[in-house]
Amino acid sequence: MEQNTVENKNDITLDKVSRSRWLFYVQLFCFIAFMLGGCYNLYKHKYQGKPDVKVQESTLYNPKYK
């Protein structure tokens, strides 16, 4: 019984160099997507400003006593 094989240049499981290159590009894409997603999330939930907080007058830097 004779096996007929066809060489496939696009098969990454046979060539270790092309497999490592493909994994590198996948990791790079995932890293960039994660970084862009994190930056967008920080931009979306950014600090909106100084809130108006009521503070007791006796606890100020220059306290006011009665």
N, C-alpha and C. Protein backbone atom coordinates (compact mmCIF):
# COMPACT_ATOMS: atom_id res chain seq x y z
N MET A 1 0.85 -1.18 0.00
CA MET A 1 0.00 0.00 0.00
C MET A 1 0.90 1.25 0.00
N GLU A 2 0.63 2.13 -0.88
CA GLU A 2 1.47 3.31 -1.05
C GLU A 2 0.70 4.55 -0.58
N GLN A 3 1.39 5.43 0.16
CA GLN A 3 0.75 6.66 0.64
C GLN A 3 1.09 7.80 -0.32
N ASN A 4 0.08 8.54 -0.67
CA ASN A 4 0.28 9.72 -1.51
C ASN A 4 0.14 10.95 -0.63
N THR A 5 1.21 11.72 -0.49
CA THR A 5 1.17 12.94 0.32
C THR A 5 1.40 14.13 -0.58
N VAL A 6 0.72 15.20 -0.23
CA VAL A 6 0.87 16.45 -0.97
C VAL A 6 1.50 17.45 -0.01
N GLU A 7 2.59 18.06 -0.44
CA GLU A 7 3.27 19.03 0.42
C GLU A 7 2.47 20.33 0.44
N ASN A 8 2.17 20.77 1.64
CA ASN A 8 1.39 21.99 1.82
C ASN A 8 2.30 23.04 2.47
N LYS A 9 2.62 24.09 1.75
CA LYS A 9 3.51 25.14 2.27
C LYS A 9 2.83 26.00 3.33
N ASN A 10 1.48 25.99 3.39
CA ASN A 10 0.75 26.81 4.34
C ASN A 10 0.48 26.11 5.66
N ASP A 11 0.92 24.88 5.82
CA ASP A 11 0.67 24.13 7.04
C ASP A 11 1.70 24.54 8.09
N ILE A 12 1.23 25.14 9.19
CA ILE A 12 2.17 25.63 10.21
C ILE A 12 2.59 24.54 11.16
N THR A 13 1.94 23.38 11.14
CA THR A 13 2.34 22.31 12.06
C THR A 13 3.60 21.61 11.61
N LEU A 14 3.99 21.73 10.35
CA LEU A 14 5.18 21.04 9.86
C LEU A 14 6.44 21.89 10.01
N ASP A 15 6.32 23.18 9.95
CA ASP A 15 7.48 24.07 9.97
C ASP A 15 7.53 24.82 11.29
N LYS A 16 8.58 24.56 12.08
CA LYS A 16 8.68 25.18 13.40
C LYS A 16 8.88 26.69 13.32
N VAL A 17 9.59 27.16 12.31
CA VAL A 17 9.85 28.60 12.16
C VAL A 17 8.55 29.34 11.85
N SER A 18 7.77 28.84 10.92
CA SER A 18 6.53 29.54 10.59
C SER A 18 5.52 29.44 11.73
N ARG A 19 5.57 28.34 12.50
CA ARG A 19 4.67 28.22 13.64
C ARG A 19 5.04 29.24 14.72
N SER A 20 6.32 29.41 15.00
CA SER A 20 6.74 30.36 16.02
C SER A 20 6.46 31.79 15.56
N ARG A 21 6.62 32.06 14.27
CA ARG A 21 6.31 33.39 13.75
C ARG A 21 4.81 33.67 13.88
N TRP A 22 3.99 32.68 13.56
CA TRP A 22 2.54 32.84 13.65
C TRP A 22 2.12 33.07 15.11
N LEU A 23 2.70 32.31 16.04
CA LEU A 23 2.38 32.50 17.46
C LEU A 23 2.84 33.87 17.95
N PHE A 24 3.98 34.34 17.46
CA PHE A 24 4.45 35.67 17.83
C PHE A 24 3.45 36.74 17.39
N TYR A 25 2.95 36.64 16.16
CA TYR A 25 1.99 37.62 15.68
C TYR A 25 0.66 37.53 16.42
N VAL A 26 0.25 36.34 16.81
CA VAL A 26 -0.98 36.19 17.59
C VAL A 26 -0.81 36.83 18.97
N GLN A 27 0.34 36.60 19.61
CA GLN A 27 0.61 37.21 20.91
C GLN A 27 0.69 38.73 20.81
N LEU A 28 1.32 39.21 19.75
CA LEU A 28 1.43 40.66 19.55
C LEU A 28 0.05 41.28 19.35
N PHE A 29 -0.79 40.65 18.55
CA PHE A 29 -2.15 41.15 18.33
C PHE A 29 -2.94 41.16 19.63
N CYS A 30 -2.84 40.07 20.42
CA CYS A 30 -3.58 40.01 21.70
C CYS A 30 -3.08 41.08 22.67
N PHE A 31 -1.78 41.30 22.71
CA PHE A 31 -1.21 42.31 23.61
C PHE A 31 -1.69 43.71 23.22
N ILE A 32 -1.64 44.02 21.92
CA ILE A 32 -2.07 45.34 21.47
C ILE A 32 -3.57 45.52 21.70
N ALA A 33 -4.37 44.48 21.45
CA ALA A 33 -5.81 44.57 21.69
C ALA A 33 -6.09 44.78 23.17
N PHE A 34 -5.36 44.10 24.06
CA PHE A 34 -5.54 44.27 25.50
C PHE A 34 -5.16 45.68 25.94
N MET A 35 -4.06 46.21 25.41
CA MET A 35 -3.63 47.56 25.78
C MET A 35 -4.63 48.62 25.29
N LEU A 36 -5.09 48.49 24.07
CA LEU A 36 -6.08 49.45 23.55
C LEU A 36 -7.38 49.36 24.33
N GLY A 37 -7.80 48.16 24.68
CA GLY A 37 -9.02 47.99 25.48
C GLY A 37 -8.87 48.61 26.86
N GLY A 38 -7.71 48.45 27.47
CA GLY A 38 -7.47 49.05 28.79
C GLY A 38 -7.44 50.57 28.72
N CYS A 39 -6.79 51.11 27.69
CA CYS A 39 -6.74 52.58 27.54
C CYS A 39 -8.13 53.14 27.29
N TYR A 40 -8.93 52.44 26.48
CA TYR A 40 -10.29 52.90 26.22
C TYR A 40 -11.12 52.85 27.50
N ASN A 41 -10.95 51.81 28.30
CA ASN A 41 -11.72 51.70 29.54
C ASN A 41 -11.32 52.80 30.52
N LEU A 42 -10.01 53.12 30.59
CA LEU A 42 -9.58 54.22 31.46
C LEU A 42 -10.13 55.56 30.95
N TYR A 43 -10.17 55.76 29.64
CA TYR A 43 -10.73 56.98 29.08
C TYR A 43 -12.22 57.08 29.36
N LYS A 44 -12.92 55.97 29.26
CA LYS A 44 -14.37 55.96 29.46
C LYS A 44 -14.74 56.24 30.91
N HIS A 45 -13.93 55.79 31.85
CA HIS A 45 -14.21 55.96 33.28
C HIS A 45 -13.27 56.99 33.90
N LYS A 46 -12.95 58.03 33.17
CA LYS A 46 -11.99 59.01 33.67
C LYS A 46 -12.61 59.85 34.80
N TYR A 47 -11.75 60.52 35.54
CA TYR A 47 -12.17 61.36 36.67
C TYR A 47 -12.91 62.57 36.13
N GLN A 48 -14.10 62.81 36.62
CA GLN A 48 -14.96 63.85 36.06
C GLN A 48 -14.72 65.24 36.65
N GLY A 49 -14.09 65.35 37.77
CA GLY A 49 -13.81 66.67 38.33
C GLY A 49 -13.86 66.65 39.84
N LYS A 50 -13.68 67.82 40.41
CA LYS A 50 -13.64 67.94 41.85
C LYS A 50 -15.06 68.02 42.40
N PRO A 51 -15.46 67.06 43.23
CA PRO A 51 -16.81 67.11 43.80
C PRO A 51 -16.90 68.15 44.91
N ASP A 52 -18.08 68.67 45.14
CA ASP A 52 -18.32 69.63 46.20
C ASP A 52 -18.65 68.86 47.48
N VAL A 53 -17.67 68.76 48.37
CA VAL A 53 -17.82 67.97 49.59
C VAL A 53 -17.95 68.90 50.77
N LYS A 54 -18.93 68.64 51.62
CA LYS A 54 -19.11 69.43 52.84
C LYS A 54 -18.11 68.95 53.90
N VAL A 55 -17.30 69.88 54.42
CA VAL A 55 -16.30 69.55 55.42
C VAL A 55 -16.58 70.40 56.65
N GLN A 56 -16.43 69.80 57.83
CA GLN A 56 -16.63 70.56 59.05
C GLN A 56 -15.61 71.70 59.13
N GLU A 57 -16.06 72.84 59.63
CA GLU A 57 -15.16 74.00 59.68
C GLU A 57 -14.04 73.81 60.69
N SER A 58 -14.23 72.95 61.67
CA SER A 58 -13.17 72.73 62.69
C SER A 58 -12.06 71.84 62.15
N THR A 59 -12.22 71.21 61.00
CA THR A 59 -11.19 70.33 60.46
C THR A 59 -10.46 70.94 59.27
N LEU A 60 -10.68 72.22 58.97
CA LEU A 60 -10.01 72.87 57.86
C LEU A 60 -8.55 73.16 58.20
N TYR A 61 -7.75 73.58 57.20
CA TYR A 61 -6.35 73.93 57.43
C TYR A 61 -6.25 75.09 58.41
N ASN A 62 -7.10 76.08 58.21
CA ASN A 62 -7.26 77.18 59.19
C ASN A 62 -8.63 77.01 59.84
N PRO A 63 -8.69 76.28 60.95
CA PRO A 63 -10.00 75.97 61.53
C PRO A 63 -10.72 77.20 62.08
N LYS A 64 -12.03 77.14 62.02
CA LYS A 64 -12.87 78.20 62.55
C LYS A 64 -13.63 77.63 63.73
N TYR A 65 -13.45 78.26 64.87
CA TYR A 65 -14.11 77.79 66.10
C TYR A 65 -15.22 78.75 66.45
N LYS A 66 -16.16 78.26 67.22
CA LYS A 66 -17.29 79.10 67.64
C LYS A 66 -16.92 79.99 68.79
